Amino acid sequence: MIAFFIHRDHSEVGPAIWRSIQTYLRAIPPGSLNWYTSADGDMVPLDDEGWEHNRHVVIERIGGGSRTVELRESPSETGSYQVEYYGRRLDSPIHDAPATTLSFTFPTEYLLEHGAVQLRALALELARELPFNFGYASFALVSTQGSWAAGAWDITEALLARYPGLDAPHATRFSSILGTRALGPYWLTFLGQPLLGQLGGIDVLRNALPFPEVSLLPLDGERALVTLDDWPDPIDTQTKAIPPQYRMLARLMEPFLFQYEGEGLPLYKQDTNQWVRRFLQP
């Protein structure tokens, strides 16, 4: 999963969002996206008319409501490739703390075939024009709109508890409630404003993360990419300790981590805030 959270009205970032989606399309096998969510909420074939519809949804500035684009490999199952875009208004009366959100998924085989260096380069290209405040790339338990079957919760929670390097993404829900907060450290952690400034800037990060595995890359627009390891790692806690660079970045982020106070967010069912703060646990 590669995801970006952008604290801007969708009308400000539509063209950059569309160019990022086009970058993703060029990187994945042809024909990987075959369906999209129509204005009626139905899954329909993604033909030329469908592409024009989605381009219009992303780029068109007329109208004040939210924007939704969901591009999928399958109409009913979670596929290897999918795009989710939820364009929000910062003054939205129906979203508590909106953040325009864009996410992309890849099968694990994509990483194995192309390697971590190429995937990181692709993540940077996807992010190039996005004025994100937070973003990440991570191994993830991906399901369509985060809608895991109720019967799979025990398995899901067991995996999340054992592998803190896994993500449990829910782009549509977080686009309504994340605001400018962070979700913690990830293999690739993208930081923009105001988060990067709240953390003290890239020099503070560099001094706080003096680990050989870590690299920090300043980006234009007062943004930065923190890479915590050469490869993404699900971090099997039955065989190894959580790497110290993850814990250190989590401690720096702690005052700015997302704090959940509602219901209905299917991450760590027992305690979402515990899951977000998993790298701070003993």
Protein backbone atom coordinates (compact mmCIF):
# COMPACT_ATOMS: atom_id res chain seq x y z
CA MET A 1 0.00 0.00 0.00
CA ILE A 2 1.15 3.52 -0.84
CA ALA A 3 -1.10 6.24 0.59
CA PHE A 4 -1.07 10.03 0.83
CA PHE A 5 -3.14 12.36 3.01
CA ILE A 6 -3.42 15.92 1.76
CA HIS A 7 -4.83 18.68 3.94
CA ARG A 8 -6.19 20.64 0.98
CA ASP A 9 -9.56 21.04 -0.68
CA HIS A 10 -9.90 18.62 -3.58
CA SER A 11 -10.37 21.55 -5.96
CA GLU A 12 -6.78 22.65 -5.29
CA VAL A 13 -5.09 19.34 -6.01
CA GLY A 14 -7.21 17.60 -8.69
CA PRO A 15 -4.76 17.89 -11.61
CA ALA A 16 -1.84 16.67 -9.47
CA ILE A 17 -3.97 13.76 -8.23
CA TRP A 18 -4.84 12.78 -11.81
CA ARG A 19 -1.19 12.88 -12.90
CA SER A 20 -0.27 10.66 -9.95
CA ILE A 21 -2.94 8.16 -11.01
CA GLN A 22 -1.54 8.21 -14.56
CA THR A 23 1.93 7.47 -13.17
CA TYR A 24 0.51 4.44 -11.37
CA LEU A 25 -1.16 3.21 -14.56
CA ARG A 26 2.12 3.37 -16.47
CA ALA A 27 3.84 1.34 -13.73
CA ILE A 28 1.41 -1.57 -13.47
CA PRO A 29 0.60 -4.29 -16.04
CA PRO A 30 -1.85 -3.23 -18.75
CA GLY A 31 -5.42 -4.22 -18.04
CA SER A 32 -4.93 -4.41 -14.27
CA LEU A 33 -7.80 -2.00 -13.57
CA ASN A 34 -11.11 -3.11 -15.06
CA TRP A 35 -13.91 -1.70 -12.89
CA TYR A 36 -14.87 1.54 -11.21
CA THR A 37 -17.50 2.82 -8.82
CA SER A 38 -20.14 4.76 -10.71
CA ALA A 39 -21.98 7.83 -9.45
CA ASP A 40 -24.75 5.47 -8.33
CA GLY A 41 -22.33 3.42 -6.22
CA ASP A 42 -22.37 0.40 -8.54
CA MET A 43 -19.27 -1.31 -9.92
CA VAL A 44 -19.25 -0.94 -13.71
CA PRO A 45 -16.70 -1.84 -16.42
CA LEU A 46 -13.85 0.66 -16.77
CA ASP A 47 -14.04 1.50 -20.49
CA ASP A 48 -13.06 4.73 -22.28
CA GLU A 49 -16.24 6.40 -21.08
CA GLY A 50 -15.43 5.30 -17.55
CA TRP A 51 -11.95 6.80 -17.74
CA GLU A 52 -13.39 10.10 -18.91
CA HIS A 53 -15.93 10.03 -16.10
CA ASN A 54 -13.22 9.50 -13.49
CA ARG A 55 -10.96 12.15 -14.98
CA HIS A 56 -13.87 14.58 -14.77
CA VAL A 57 -14.53 13.63 -11.12
CA VAL A 58 -10.90 14.27 -10.14
CA ILE A 59 -10.17 17.43 -12.12
CA GLU A 60 -13.51 19.23 -12.37
CA ARG A 61 -13.61 22.20 -9.98
CA ILE A 62 -17.35 22.88 -10.27
CA GLY A 63 -19.46 21.77 -7.32
CA GLY A 64 -18.65 21.81 -3.65
CA GLY A 65 -19.17 18.21 -2.55
CA SER A 66 -16.72 15.39 -1.95
CA ARG A 67 -15.12 13.40 -4.76
CA THR A 68 -14.80 9.62 -4.97
CA VAL A 69 -12.82 7.53 -7.44
CA GLU A 70 -12.42 3.79 -6.88
CA LEU A 71 -10.64 1.82 -9.60
CA ARG A 72 -10.43 -1.94 -9.12
CA GLU A 73 -9.21 -5.13 -10.70
CA SER A 74 -12.34 -7.08 -9.78
CA PRO A 75 -15.97 -5.98 -9.25
CA SER A 76 -16.46 -8.16 -6.17
CA GLU A 77 -13.10 -9.30 -4.78
CA THR A 78 -10.00 -7.52 -3.54
CA GLY A 79 -7.57 -7.52 -6.45
CA SER A 80 -3.84 -6.99 -6.65
CA TYR A 81 -4.17 -3.45 -7.99
CA GLN A 82 -6.57 -0.73 -6.95
CA VAL A 83 -6.78 3.05 -6.64
CA GLU A 84 -8.84 4.92 -4.06
CA TYR A 85 -9.28 8.70 -4.13
CA TYR A 86 -11.45 10.61 -1.71
CA GLY A 87 -11.40 14.33 -2.36
CA ARG A 88 -12.57 16.33 0.64
CA ARG A 89 -13.44 19.93 1.47
CA LEU A 90 -11.71 21.29 4.54
CA ASP A 91 -14.94 23.04 5.56
CA SER A 92 -16.99 19.89 5.08
CA PRO A 93 -20.00 19.80 7.42
CA ILE A 94 -20.11 15.98 7.35
CA HIS A 95 -16.44 15.10 7.97
CA ASP A 96 -14.89 15.66 11.39
CA ALA A 97 -11.28 16.22 10.26
CA PRO A 98 -11.08 15.83 6.47
CA ALA A 99 -7.98 15.02 4.45
CA THR A 100 -8.05 14.49 0.69
CA THR A 101 -6.74 10.94 0.36
CA LEU A 102 -5.12 8.95 -2.46
CA SER A 103 -3.98 5.34 -2.16
CA PHE A 104 -2.54 2.66 -4.43
CA THR A 105 -2.07 -1.06 -3.90
CA PHE A 106 0.40 -3.54 -5.37
CA PRO A 107 0.70 -7.30 -4.95
CA THR A 108 3.70 -8.52 -2.98
CA GLU A 109 4.92 -10.09 -6.23
CA TYR A 110 5.40 -6.59 -7.65
CA LEU A 111 7.93 -5.84 -4.93
CA LEU A 112 9.70 -9.16 -5.44
CA GLU A 113 9.89 -8.65 -9.20
CA HIS A 114 10.97 -4.99 -9.26
CA GLY A 115 12.78 -4.64 -5.94
CA ALA A 116 12.58 -2.15 -3.11
CA VAL A 117 14.73 0.48 -4.81
CA GLN A 118 12.41 0.68 -7.82
CA LEU A 119 9.28 0.67 -5.66
CA ARG A 120 10.69 3.51 -3.57
CA ALA A 121 11.46 5.45 -6.76
CA LEU A 122 7.89 4.87 -7.93
CA ALA A 123 6.52 6.07 -4.58
CA LEU A 124 8.55 9.26 -4.96
CA GLU A 125 7.19 9.78 -8.46
CA LEU A 126 3.62 9.22 -7.24
CA ALA A 127 4.25 11.81 -4.51
CA ARG A 128 6.13 14.29 -6.66
CA GLU A 129 3.36 16.87 -7.13
CA LEU A 130 1.24 16.08 -4.08
CA PRO A 131 1.28 18.62 -1.22
CA PHE A 132 0.80 15.82 1.31
CA ASN A 133 1.02 16.35 5.02
CA PHE A 134 1.47 12.61 5.67
CA GLY A 135 1.95 9.49 3.62
CA TYR A 136 3.46 6.03 3.74
CA ALA A 137 4.34 2.80 1.95
CA SER A 138 4.01 -0.48 3.81
CA PHE A 139 3.07 -4.11 3.65
CA ALA A 140 -0.67 -4.18 4.27
CA LEU A 141 -3.69 -6.39 4.80
CA VAL A 142 -5.68 -5.03 1.88
CA SER A 143 -9.40 -5.53 1.48
CA THR A 144 -11.92 -3.60 -0.57
CA GLN A 145 -12.61 -0.38 1.38
CA GLY A 146 -11.17 -2.01 4.49
CA SER A 147 -14.27 -4.20 4.74
CA TRP A 148 -12.88 -7.35 6.29
CA ALA A 149 -15.44 -10.06 6.86
CA ALA A 150 -16.62 -10.24 10.45
CA GLY A 151 -15.54 -13.86 10.68
CA ALA A 152 -11.97 -12.95 9.75
CA TRP A 153 -11.45 -10.51 12.62
CA ASP A 154 -9.70 -12.99 14.90
CA ILE A 155 -7.22 -13.82 12.14
CA THR A 156 -6.77 -10.16 11.22
CA GLU A 157 -6.12 -9.07 14.79
CA ALA A 158 -3.70 -11.93 15.37
CA LEU A 159 -1.71 -10.90 12.30
CA LEU A 160 -1.67 -7.22 13.32
CA ALA A 161 -0.55 -8.13 16.83
CA ARG A 162 2.28 -10.36 15.60
CA TYR A 163 3.42 -8.19 12.65
CA PRO A 164 3.49 -4.47 13.57
CA GLY A 165 5.05 -3.74 10.17
CA LEU A 166 1.71 -4.57 8.54
CA ASP A 167 -0.80 -1.84 7.83
CA ALA A 168 -4.58 -2.17 8.06
CA PRO A 169 -5.63 0.55 5.60
CA HIS A 170 -9.04 2.19 5.46
CA ALA A 171 -8.59 5.13 3.11
CA THR A 172 -12.20 6.22 2.93
CA ARG A 173 -12.68 6.37 6.71
CA PHE A 174 -9.37 8.10 7.40
CA SER A 175 -10.14 10.70 4.74
CA SER A 176 -12.93 11.88 7.03
CA ILE A 177 -11.11 11.92 10.37
CA LEU A 178 -7.31 12.08 10.03
CA GLY A 179 -6.87 15.82 9.44
CA THR A 180 -3.19 16.70 9.81
CA ARG A 181 -2.30 13.86 12.18
CA ALA A 182 0.12 10.99 11.57
CA LEU A 183 -0.56 7.25 11.67
CA GLY A 184 2.91 6.29 12.87
CA PRO A 185 6.20 5.21 11.30
CA TYR A 186 6.30 3.06 8.17
CA TRP A 187 8.96 1.66 5.85
CA LEU A 188 8.52 4.81 3.77
CA THR A 189 7.18 7.72 5.80
CA PHE A 190 6.28 10.88 3.88
CA LEU A 191 6.15 14.06 5.94
CA GLY A 192 4.86 17.44 4.80
CA GLN A 193 3.48 20.49 6.54
CA PRO A 194 2.49 20.99 9.27
CA LEU A 195 3.82 17.60 10.48
CA LEU A 196 7.40 18.05 9.35
CA GLY A 197 7.60 21.42 11.09
CA GLN A 198 5.97 20.05 14.24
CA LEU A 199 8.62 17.33 14.37
CA GLY A 200 11.36 19.99 14.23
CA GLY A 201 12.31 19.70 10.58
CA ILE A 202 14.64 17.38 8.74
CA ASP A 203 17.73 18.27 10.80
CA VAL A 204 16.00 17.20 14.00
CA LEU A 205 14.92 13.98 12.32
CA ARG A 206 18.45 13.33 11.07
CA ASN A 207 19.90 13.79 14.56
CA ALA A 208 17.22 11.62 16.15
CA LEU A 209 17.58 8.76 13.66
CA PRO A 210 21.32 8.02 13.48
CA PHE A 211 20.79 4.47 12.26
CA PRO A 212 22.64 3.02 9.25
CA GLU A 213 19.41 1.65 7.80
CA VAL A 214 17.71 5.07 7.79
CA SER A 215 17.88 7.63 5.00
CA LEU A 216 16.26 11.06 4.87
CA LEU A 217 15.51 12.78 1.61
CA PRO A 218 14.43 16.45 1.56
CA LEU A 219 11.73 17.15 -1.03
CA ASP A 220 10.61 20.45 -2.44
CA GLY A 221 7.57 22.14 -0.93
CA GLU A 222 8.86 21.65 2.64
CA ARG A 223 8.39 17.89 2.47
CA ALA A 224 10.62 14.93 3.25
CA LEU A 225 10.81 11.16 2.84
CA VAL A 226 12.08 9.02 5.73
CA THR A 227 13.15 5.51 4.67
CA LEU A 228 13.52 3.25 7.71
CA ASP A 229 15.10 0.20 6.06
CA ASP A 230 16.44 -1.14 2.79
CA TRP A 231 13.34 -3.32 2.37
CA PRO A 232 9.84 -3.17 3.83
CA ASP A 233 9.55 -5.52 6.79
CA PRO A 234 6.36 -6.93 8.33
CA ILE A 235 8.45 -7.33 11.53
CA ASP A 236 7.64 -10.76 12.91
CA THR A 237 7.83 -10.15 16.66
CA GLN A 238 8.01 -13.90 17.32
CA THR A 239 11.44 -14.00 15.71
CA LYS A 240 12.88 -10.49 16.17
CA ALA A 241 12.60 -7.29 18.15
CA ILE A 242 11.00 -4.19 16.69
CA PRO A 243 13.85 -2.25 15.01
CA PRO A 244 14.91 0.75 17.10
CA GLN A 245 14.46 3.25 14.28
CA TYR A 246 10.73 2.48 14.21
CA ARG A 247 10.45 3.06 17.95
CA MET A 248 12.43 6.29 17.79
CA LEU A 249 10.35 7.78 14.99
CA ALA A 250 7.19 6.71 16.84
CA ARG A 251 8.38 8.56 19.94
CA LEU A 252 8.99 11.71 17.91
CA MET A 253 5.55 11.39 16.35
CA GLU A 254 3.71 10.58 19.57
CA PRO A 255 2.29 14.09 20.24
CA PHE A 256 0.98 14.24 16.67
CA LEU A 257 -0.45 10.72 16.28
CA PHE A 258 -4.06 10.20 15.38
CA GLN A 259 -6.34 9.82 18.41
CA TYR A 260 -9.59 8.01 17.74
CA GLU A 261 -12.68 8.75 19.81
CA GLY A 262 -15.49 7.27 17.72
CA GLU A 263 -16.80 3.90 16.66
CA GLY A 264 -16.83 1.86 13.49
CA LEU A 265 -13.19 2.07 12.41
CA PRO A 266 -12.09 -1.51 11.67
CA LEU A 267 -8.40 -1.44 12.47
CA TYR A 268 -7.54 -2.99 15.76
CA LYS A 269 -11.02 -3.77 17.04
CA GLN A 270 -9.92 -3.95 20.66
CA ASP A 271 -8.38 -0.49 20.65
CA THR A 272 -7.62 1.55 17.53
CA ASN A 273 -5.41 3.96 19.45
CA GLN A 274 -3.35 1.07 20.77
CA TRP A 275 -2.82 -0.13 17.22
CA VAL A 276 -1.76 3.33 15.99
CA ARG A 277 0.74 3.44 18.90
CA ARG A 278 1.97 -0.12 18.49
CA PHE A 279 5.62 0.94 18.17
CA LEU A 280 5.42 2.71 21.53
CA GLN A 281 4.36 -0.44 23.38
CA PRO A 282 6.96 -2.21 25.57
